[in-house]
Amino acid sequence: DVSDLTQDSRAFAADILQEAGVAVTP
């Protein structure tokens, strides 16, 4: 549950991929 971090899991996952190089699933 990442509701304390974002309300847009798809955008958040894209940021993690681009900035951290870790692929996760929304």
PDB file of all heavy atoms in Angstrom:
ATOM      1  N   ASP A   1       0.869  -1.181   0.000  1.00  0.00           N
ATOM      2  CA  ASP A   1       0.000   0.000   0.000  1.00  0.00           C
ATOM      3  C   ASP A   1       0.908   1.234   0.000  1.00  0.00           C
ATOM      4  O   ASP A   1       1.666   1.458   0.934  1.00  0.00           O
ATOM      5  CB  ASP A   1      -0.877  -0.026   1.242  1.00  0.00           C
ATOM      6  CG  ASP A   1      -1.802   1.185   1.357  1.00  0.00           C
ATOM      7  OD1 ASP A   1      -1.581   2.188   0.653  1.00  0.00           O
ATOM      8  OD2 ASP A   1      -2.725   1.140   2.179  1.00  0.00           O
ATOM      9  N   VAL A   2       0.843   2.006  -1.084  1.00  0.00           N
ATOM     10  CA  VAL A   2       1.692   3.201  -1.196  1.00  0.00           C
ATOM     11  C   VAL A   2       0.832   4.462  -1.221  1.00  0.00           C
ATOM     12  O   VAL A   2       1.229   5.486  -1.783  1.00  0.00           O
ATOM     13  CB  VAL A   2       2.612   3.133  -2.437  1.00  0.00           C
ATOM     14  CG1 VAL A   2       3.658   2.041  -2.265  1.00  0.00           C
ATOM     15  CG2 VAL A   2       1.801   2.910  -3.724  1.00  0.00           C
ATOM     16  N   SER A   3      -0.340   4.396  -0.603  1.00  0.00           N
ATOM     17  CA  SER A   3      -1.245   5.549  -0.603  1.00  0.00           C
ATOM     18  C   SER A   3      -0.645   6.742   0.130  1.00  0.00           C
ATOM     19  O   SER A   3      -1.063   7.890  -0.109  1.00  0.00           O
ATOM     20  CB  SER A   3      -2.594   5.177   0.022  1.00  0.00           C
ATOM     21  OG  SER A   3      -2.429   4.685   1.344  1.00  0.00           O
ATOM     22  N   ASP A   4       0.324   6.485   1.019  1.00  0.00           N
ATOM     23  CA  ASP A   4       1.002   7.590   1.691  1.00  0.00           C
ATOM     24  C   ASP A   4       2.067   8.232   0.813  1.00  0.00           C
ATOM     25  O   ASP A   4       2.612   9.285   1.155  1.00  0.00           O
ATOM     26  CB  ASP A   4       1.649   7.104   2.996  1.00  0.00           C
ATOM     27  CG  ASP A   4       2.633   5.962   2.782  1.00  0.00           C
ATOM     28  OD1 ASP A   4       2.417   5.151   1.846  1.00  0.00           O
ATOM     29  OD2 ASP A   4       3.610   5.865   3.543  1.00  0.00           O
ATOM     30  N   LEU A   5       2.329   7.607  -0.350  1.00  0.00           N
ATOM     31  CA  LEU A   5       3.384   8.084  -1.241  1.00  0.00           C
ATOM     32  C   LEU A   5       2.853   8.598  -2.574  1.00  0.00           C
ATOM     33  O   LEU A   5       3.461   9.475  -3.185  1.00  0.00           O
ATOM     34  CB  LEU A   5       4.396   6.959  -1.513  1.00  0.00           C
ATOM     35  CG  LEU A   5       5.056   6.333  -0.280  1.00  0.00           C
ATOM     36  CD1 LEU A   5       5.862   5.097  -0.682  1.00  0.00           C
ATOM     37  CD2 LEU A   5       5.953   7.350   0.413  1.00  0.00           C
ATOM     38  N   THR A   6       1.732   8.047  -3.044  1.00  0.00           N
ATOM     39  CA  THR A   6       1.210   8.428  -4.353  1.00  0.00           C
ATOM     40  C   THR A   6      -0.244   8.012  -4.479  1.00  0.00           C
ATOM     41  O   THR A   6      -0.711   7.118  -3.770  1.00  0.00           O
ATOM     42  CB  THR A   6       2.024   7.757  -5.481  1.00  0.00           C
ATOM     43  OG1 THR A   6       1.587   8.246  -6.755  1.00  0.00           O
ATOM     44  CG2 THR A   6       1.837   6.245  -5.457  1.00  0.00           C
ATOM     45  N   GLN A   7      -0.953   8.667  -5.397  1.00  0.00           N
ATOM     46  CA  GLN A   7      -2.278   8.242  -5.820  1.00  0.00           C
ATOM     47  C   GLN A   7      -2.259   7.872  -7.304  1.00  0.00           C
ATOM     48  O   GLN A   7      -3.313   7.725  -7.930  1.00  0.00           O
ATOM     49  CB  GLN A   7      -3.309   9.339  -5.551  1.00  0.00           C
ATOM     50  CG  GLN A   7      -3.597   9.542  -4.074  1.00  0.00           C
ATOM     51  CD  GLN A   7      -4.194   8.309  -3.423  1.00  0.00           C
ATOM     52  OE1 GLN A   7      -5.168   7.740  -3.923  1.00  0.00           O
ATOM     53  NE2 GLN A   7      -3.604   7.871  -2.298  1.00  0.00           N
ATOM     54  N   ASP A   8      -1.051   7.711  -7.863  1.00  0.00           N
ATOM     55  CA  ASP A   8      -0.890   7.339  -9.267  1.00  0.00           C
ATOM     56  C   ASP A   8       0.226   6.305  -9.358  1.00  0.00           C
ATOM     57  O   ASP A   8       1.382   6.626  -9.610  1.00  0.00           O
ATOM     58  CB  ASP A   8      -0.549   8.576 -10.109  1.00  0.00           C
ATOM     59  CG  ASP A   8      -0.548   8.293 -11.609  1.00  0.00           C
ATOM     60  OD1 ASP A   8      -0.500   7.107 -12.000  1.00  0.00           O
ATOM     61  OD2 ASP A   8      -0.559   9.267 -12.390  1.00  0.00           O
ATOM     62  N   SER A   9      -0.144   5.048  -9.115  1.00  0.00           N
ATOM     63  CA  SER A   9       0.875   3.998  -9.048  1.00  0.00           C
ATOM     64  C   SER A   9       1.589   3.801 -10.378  1.00  0.00           C
ATOM     65  O   SER A   9       2.767   3.435 -10.399  1.00  0.00           O
ATOM     66  CB  SER A   9       0.234   2.685  -8.597  1.00  0.00           C
ATOM     67  OG  SER A   9      -0.771   2.249  -9.493  1.00  0.00           O
ATOM     68  N   ARG A  10       0.897   4.072 -11.477  1.00  0.00           N
ATOM     69  CA  ARG A  10       1.542   3.871 -12.782  1.00  0.00           C
ATOM     70  C   ARG A  10       2.649   4.906 -12.983  1.00  0.00           C
ATOM     71  O   ARG A  10       3.758   4.561 -13.416  1.00  0.00           O
ATOM     72  CB  ARG A  10       0.503   3.956 -13.893  1.00  0.00           C
ATOM     73  CG  ARG A  10       0.981   3.376 -15.207  1.00  0.00           C
ATOM     74  CD  ARG A  10      -0.153   3.031 -16.139  1.00  0.00           C
ATOM     75  NE  ARG A  10       0.318   2.283 -17.281  1.00  0.00           N
ATOM     76  CZ  ARG A  10      -0.467   1.723 -18.183  1.00  0.00           C
ATOM     77  NH1 ARG A  10      -1.779   1.819 -18.059  1.00  0.00           N
ATOM     78  NH2 ARG A  10       0.036   1.053 -19.203  1.00  0.00           N
ATOM     79  N   ALA A  11       2.378   6.153 -12.666  1.00  0.00           N
ATOM     80  CA  ALA A  11       3.397   7.192 -12.783  1.00  0.00           C
ATOM     81  C   ALA A  11       4.531   6.963 -11.784  1.00  0.00           C
ATOM     82  O   ALA A  11       5.706   7.172 -12.090  1.00  0.00           O
ATOM     83  CB  ALA A  11       2.773   8.572 -12.575  1.00  0.00           C
ATOM     84  N   PHE A  12       4.170   6.519 -10.588  1.00  0.00           N
ATOM     85  CA  PHE A  12       5.167   6.249  -9.554  1.00  0.00           C
ATOM     86  C   PHE A  12       6.102   5.122  -9.993  1.00  0.00           C
ATOM     87  O   PHE A  12       7.335   5.214  -9.847  1.00  0.00           O
ATOM     88  CB  PHE A  12       4.460   5.895  -8.252  1.00  0.00           C
ATOM     89  CG  PHE A  12       5.343   5.877  -7.037  1.00  0.00           C
ATOM     90  CD1 PHE A  12       6.360   6.796  -6.857  1.00  0.00           C
ATOM     91  CD2 PHE A  12       5.137   4.932  -6.044  1.00  0.00           C
ATOM     92  CE1 PHE A  12       7.164   6.789  -5.721  1.00  0.00           C
ATOM     93  CE2 PHE A  12       5.926   4.912  -4.904  1.00  0.00           C
ATOM     94  CZ  PHE A  12       6.944   5.843  -4.750  1.00  0.00           C
ATOM     95  N   ALA A  13       5.531   4.054 -10.568  1.00  0.00           N
ATOM     96  CA  ALA A  13       6.353   2.952 -11.069  1.00  0.00           C
ATOM     97  C   ALA A  13       7.266   3.412 -12.201  1.00  0.00           C
ATOM     98  O   ALA A  13       8.427   2.986 -12.296  1.00  0.00           O
ATOM     99  CB  ALA A  13       5.457   1.808 -11.535  1.00  0.00           C
ATOM    100  N   ALA A  14       6.755   4.291 -13.054  1.00  0.00           N
ATOM    101  CA  ALA A  14       7.573   4.821 -14.151  1.00  0.00           C
ATOM    102  C   ALA A  14       8.739   5.643 -13.609  1.00  0.00           C
ATOM    103  O   ALA A  14       9.862   5.573 -14.127  1.00  0.00           O
ATOM    104  CB  ALA A  14       6.715   5.656 -15.092  1.00  0.00           C
ATOM    105  N   ASP A  15       8.499   6.431 -12.557  1.00  0.00           N
ATOM    106  CA  ASP A  15       9.573   7.205 -11.938  1.00  0.00           C
ATOM    107  C   ASP A  15      10.633   6.285 -11.325  1.00  0.00           C
ATOM    108  O   ASP A  15      11.842   6.544 -11.447  1.00  0.00           O
ATOM    109  CB  ASP A  15       9.011   8.125 -10.853  1.00  0.00           C
ATOM    110  CG  ASP A  15       8.201   9.281 -11.416  1.00  0.00           C
ATOM    111  OD1 ASP A  15       8.325   9.553 -12.627  1.00  0.00           O
ATOM    112  OD2 ASP A  15       7.441   9.901 -10.646  1.00  0.00           O
ATOM    113  N   ILE A  16      10.181   5.224 -10.650  1.00  0.00           N
ATOM    114  CA  ILE A  16      11.125   4.288 -10.043  1.00  0.00           C
ATOM    115  C   ILE A  16      11.989   3.633 -11.114  1.00  0.00           C
ATOM    116  O   ILE A  16      13.214   3.492 -10.958  1.00  0.00           O
ATOM    117  CB  ILE A  16      10.363   3.222  -9.223  1.00  0.00           C
ATOM    118  CG1 ILE A  16       9.688   3.862  -8.012  1.00  0.00           C
ATOM    119  CG2 ILE A  16      11.303   2.105  -8.763  1.00  0.00           C
ATOM    120  CD1 ILE A  16       8.760   2.922  -7.253  1.00  0.00           C
ATOM    121  N   LEU A  17      11.372   3.268 -12.218  1.00  0.00           N
ATOM    122  CA  LEU A  17      12.132   2.648 -13.307  1.00  0.00           C
ATOM    123  C   LEU A  17      13.149   3.628 -13.878  1.00  0.00           C
ATOM    124  O   LEU A  17      14.335   3.295 -14.048  1.00  0.00           O
ATOM    125  CB  LEU A  17      11.183   2.172 -14.407  1.00  0.00           C
ATOM    126  CG  LEU A  17      11.854   1.603 -15.670  1.00  0.00           C
ATOM    127  CD1 LEU A  17      12.703   0.383 -15.337  1.00  0.00           C
ATOM    128  CD2 LEU A  17      10.795   1.246 -16.717  1.00  0.00           C
ATOM    129  N   GLN A  18      12.716   4.841 -14.178  1.00  0.00           N
ATOM    130  CA  GLN A  18      13.591   5.799 -14.833  1.00  0.00           C
ATOM    131  C   GLN A  18      14.716   6.277 -13.909  1.00  0.00           C
ATOM    132  O   GLN A  18      15.876   6.389 -14.326  1.00  0.00           O
ATOM    133  CB  GLN A  18      12.778   7.003 -15.323  1.00  0.00           C
ATOM    134  CG  GLN A  18      13.555   7.952 -16.217  1.00  0.00           C
ATOM    135  CD  GLN A  18      14.038   7.289 -17.494  1.00  0.00           C
ATOM    136  OE1 GLN A  18      13.309   6.550 -18.148  1.00  0.00           O
ATOM    137  NE2 GLN A  18      15.304   7.512 -17.861  1.00  0.00           N
ATOM    138  N   GLU A  19      14.390   6.530 -12.669  1.00  0.00           N
ATOM    139  CA  GLU A  19      15.366   7.131 -11.762  1.00  0.00           C
ATOM    140  C   GLU A  19      16.211   6.101 -11.019  1.00  0.00           C
ATOM    141  O   GLU A  19      17.397   6.329 -10.769  1.00  0.00           O
ATOM    142  CB  GLU A  19      14.657   8.042 -10.755  1.00  0.00           C
ATOM    143  CG  GLU A  19      13.941   9.225 -11.410  1.00  0.00           C
ATOM    144  CD  GLU A  19      13.247  10.110 -10.389  1.00  0.00           C
ATOM    145  OE1 GLU A  19      13.742  10.184  -9.237  1.00  0.00           O
ATOM    146  OE2 GLU A  19      12.225  10.721 -10.732  1.00  0.00           O
ATOM    147  N   ALA A  20      15.601   4.959 -10.658  1.00  0.00           N
ATOM    148  CA  ALA A  20      16.327   3.960  -9.879  1.00  0.00           C
ATOM    149  C   ALA A  20      16.754   2.756 -10.709  1.00  0.00           C
ATOM    150  O   ALA A  20      17.590   1.970 -10.262  1.00  0.00           O
ATOM    151  CB  ALA A  20      15.461   3.492  -8.706  1.00  0.00           C
ATOM    152  N   GLY A  21      16.166   2.619 -11.887  1.00  0.00           N
ATOM    153  CA  GLY A  21      16.489   1.446 -12.687  1.00  0.00           C
ATOM    154  C   GLY A  21      15.930   0.162 -12.094  1.00  0.00           C
ATOM    155  O   GLY A  21      16.498  -0.914 -12.268  1.00  0.00           O
ATOM    156  N   VAL A  22      14.796   0.259 -11.391  1.00  0.00           N
ATOM    157  CA  VAL A  22      14.116  -0.906 -10.824  1.00  0.00           C
ATOM    158  C   VAL A  22      12.706  -0.961 -11.420  1.00  0.00           C
ATOM    159  O   VAL A  22      11.957   0.017 -11.329  1.00  0.00           O
ATOM    160  CB  VAL A  22      14.038  -0.839  -9.289  1.00  0.00           C
ATOM    161  CG1 VAL A  22      13.293  -2.059  -8.738  1.00  0.00           C
ATOM    162  CG2 VAL A  22      15.434  -0.750  -8.678  1.00  0.00           C
ATOM    163  N   ALA A  23      12.377  -2.081 -12.031  1.00  0.00           N
ATOM    164  CA  ALA A  23      11.052  -2.248 -12.630  1.00  0.00           C
ATOM    165  C   ALA A  23      10.113  -2.887 -11.615  1.00  0.00           C
ATOM    166  O   ALA A  23      10.410  -3.960 -11.075  1.00  0.00           O
ATOM    167  CB  ALA A  23      11.142  -3.114 -13.878  1.00  0.00           C
ATOM    168  N   VAL A  24       8.997  -2.213 -11.317  1.00  0.00           N
ATOM    169  CA  VAL A  24       7.968  -2.734 -10.415  1.00  0.00           C
ATOM    170  C   VAL A  24       6.616  -2.580 -11.109  1.00  0.00           C
ATOM    171  O   VAL A  24       6.480  -1.835 -12.084  1.00  0.00           O
ATOM    172  CB  VAL A  24       7.969  -2.001  -9.055  1.00  0.00           C
ATOM    173  CG1 VAL A  24       9.327  -2.136  -8.377  1.00  0.00           C
ATOM    174  CG2 VAL A  24       7.608  -0.536  -9.212  1.00  0.00           C
ATOM    175  N   THR A  25       5.612  -3.270 -10.586  1.00  0.00           N
ATOM    176  CA  THR A  25       4.317  -3.301 -11.266  1.00  0.00           C
ATOM    177  C   THR A  25       3.286  -2.445 -10.546  1.00  0.00           C
ATOM    178  O   THR A  25       3.073  -2.619  -9.345  1.00  0.00           O
ATOM    179  CB  THR A  25       3.781  -4.736 -11.350  1.00  0.00           C
ATOM    180  OG1 THR A  25       4.777  -5.569 -11.939  1.00  0.00           O
ATOM    181  CG2 THR A  25       2.528  -4.800 -12.197  1.00  0.00           C
ATOM    182  N   PRO A  26       2.620  -1.530 -11.255  1.00  0.00           N
ATOM    183  CA  PRO A  26       1.541  -0.749 -10.632  1.00  0.00           C
ATOM    184  C   PRO A  26       0.379  -1.636 -10.228  1.00  0.00           C
ATOM    185  O   PRO A  26       0.029  -2.594 -10.928  1.00  0.00           O
ATOM    186  CB  PRO A  26       1.119   0.218 -11.744  1.00  0.00           C
ATOM    187  CG  PRO A  26       2.203   0.173 -12.766  1.00  0.00           C
ATOM    188  CD  PRO A  26       2.840  -1.164 -12.663  1.00  0.00           C
TER     189      PRO A  26
END
